[in-house]
Amino acid sequence: MPFSNHRLSDKLLLDILSHSKEATTVYISEELHIGFVNESMLKLWHKDISILYQRLTDVAPEFASFAPILKHVWENGELYIAEDTPANIDVDGILVERFFDFEYRPVLNEEGSVYAIINTAIDVTERMAAVRNLKSKAAHEEALKEELIASNRKLFKVQEQLSETNIDLQILVDQLTENEEFLQRFIMQAPAGLTLLKGEELVYSILNPKYQELMPGRKLEGRSIFEALPELVGTVVQDMLYNVYHNGASYNMTDSLVPLSEYEYGPTVERYFTFNFTPWKNKEGLIDGVLNLVYEVTDQVKSRQEIANLNDQLYKVNTQLNMATRSARIGTWFIEPETKALTYNTVLAEIFGYEGSEPMTYDQAIAQVMPDYREYLVKEIERAINGGGFYDVIYQQKRFNDDKVIWLRSTGQISRFNDDEVSFSGVVQDISRQRLEEERKDAFIGMVSHELKTPLTSLQGYLQILSGYAAKIQNDFAGNVLEKANKQISKMTRMINGFLNVSRLDSGKIYIDREPFNMVDLLHETEEESRTSFTQNELLFLAETPAFVNADKDKIGQVLTNLISNSVKYSPSGSTIIISCVIDGADVLVTVKDEGIGIAPVDIDKLFDRYYRVESHAMKSIAGFGIGLYLCKEIIEQHKGTIGVNSSPNNGSEFWFRLPLYHPDAD
């Protein structure tokens, strides 16, 4: 599309400059007096407008640590940018730590001296919490690994002990004779549960204390196992015992689930046992019983199950961590402090454009850093490793695969797991798009300054020439009109200077220059200006009682003119429009009442939204962009006021706004 040099309209300019939402403060002296602060910054600081024109260190002593930086910027005219910086915010007397990306930008006069500092800030506490969450998950992962290793070692040791005991018991079983006295002594002293089940009914004839401990409160001796433990009837254990007795089979079972109650007639619970069934033979070599060796391993099995659950949790943590880093396009890295061995995730490789068959090394990564940043980056890494501090660097480097230069931000920290285990880990993000947007905004502000201020200056010059000519020919009417036009040009010039000089595009708010004034005077001035602008309707101004407010007179005048213009636009020719100003409690109430087409209830709630236009047949022939009322709302709300409308179709509309009443003698 060919470039157009048409001057941007007032409404479009206001709309463009209201998009950004950064909090902004302007310091206007070397002692850091606050010359401007917008609503967003007041909300971040938890302050009110009373801090205006006071020194930062007087009204916000919690920010005293930032004063030397601001003074350095003032003295040297150097831009200062910081990110993820902690700051204590005074919330109702309690200091709350938050994190911010902020900028101190010096504003220079024509002689190159600093006459103001623009401070913009963004609350990034949630982003820092997300990074901390990633680190916490990584630490949790390490803890899970350590717990798994410890549990596995413990389980292995238990299994070794069980195996050794089984071997010892098997040796003892092989040495058993038919000597009942020796058998009973052996059974009683065995370190595991041991019993001899005699006869076809498998009656408990001998059992040791360890076995009885497995079935506390149950009478076992002299009873059939299936009478004493009826929950075994119909189970595989019963089949095993009969097979051993009748067929001479032997069974060695490990970690087997046997549902048993913990006491007689109680509910069955899941219990795990390692046991052995061996046929017991008499002198004739005939089977007349079953020897049963048993350990309860419920705790060990459940420990293994818990380990399995931990493994599942670890897998889920790893999966969530990978999903989080991939979704957020966050590369993760680990550097071994001594050897500089580098470990990284796939997102980092994608950001770096690394497609090599072998893992990327630390030296390869450093070699891609642009020369202007390489030495600084290496020093910061060494500083973090040697000092154990936090590492946060913004730098440029070339991608491996396409040599594209990108902006990166890398943050990390030394972690100590044991006295001799140290890890240097962190994350990296591609911030090229953010940097590009900042450059575009700077270029746009320069373009707007040139395209708007230059023609306005020329126009003002022409008006002054015409004013001089009108005075020369003694044309009072033309001189009057030219004087009012010159005032409007001056007002527009001040507005543009306010927008551009304090970078209003970044904050998305209109610059407010507060001063006490009488609202009645503003209505009288508007009445004078309206006589030549709005001639098709009868405008009735009702304002006599002085009503002072502390506000930006030009901006409030802009609101008032916009409301009157809307009433004229949507009212029949010749109808009356009443503009009034009264004191209502602690507020100054200004109303603009017309006899126009009115507004349907469905449209009232959206009327002050950006770009909103009422859809009706009557509206089709009336031009507009839907930003005037939106800007009115922004201006009034920045003055801690309210704005609204009372209306119904075909009954006219009454637009109103309230501003806090100001008492001149209160100072």
Foldseek 3Di string as FASTA:
>chain_A
DDDDLDFDDPLVVLQLLQPFAWWKWKAFDLQRATQFGFPSVCVVQVHDPVSHRPHCCVVPVQCVVCSVVLNVCQVPVDKDWDFQQWGFHQDVNDTDIWGKTKIWHFFADPVRHGRMTMMTIDTCRVVVVVQVVLVVLVVVLVVLVVVLVVLVVVLVVVVVVVVVLVVVVVVVVVVDDPPVVVVQVCQQPRPFWKFKQFAPLRATDHTYPRVCQQEDPFDGHRHRPCVRFVLCPPHVVVVVQNCCQPPVDKDWDAQDWDFGDNYPPHGTDTWTKTKIWGFDADPVRHGGIIMMTMDTCRVSVVSVVVSVVSVVVSVVSVVVSVVVCVVVLKKKWKADVPPRAIDIDVSVCVVLVPDDPDDDGPVNVLVQFPPVCSVVQVVQVVCQSVVQAKGWDWGWGARPPPRDIFIKIWIWGWDDDDPPDIMIMTIMHTCRVVVVVVVVLVVVLVVSCVSPVVVLVVVLVVLVVVLVVCVVVVVVVSNVVSVVVNVVSVLVNVQSCQCRSNVSSNNSAGTKNWDKDWVLVLLVVLVVVVVVVQPQEAEAEAEDDTFIATTRSSLVSLLVVLVQVVQSQFADGHWYWYWYWDDDPQKIKIKIWTQGFWDAPVCFVCLLPAQDDDDDPSCPVGDDRSSSSVNSQRRLVSQVKHWGKDTHGSRTIMTMIIHGTDDVVVD
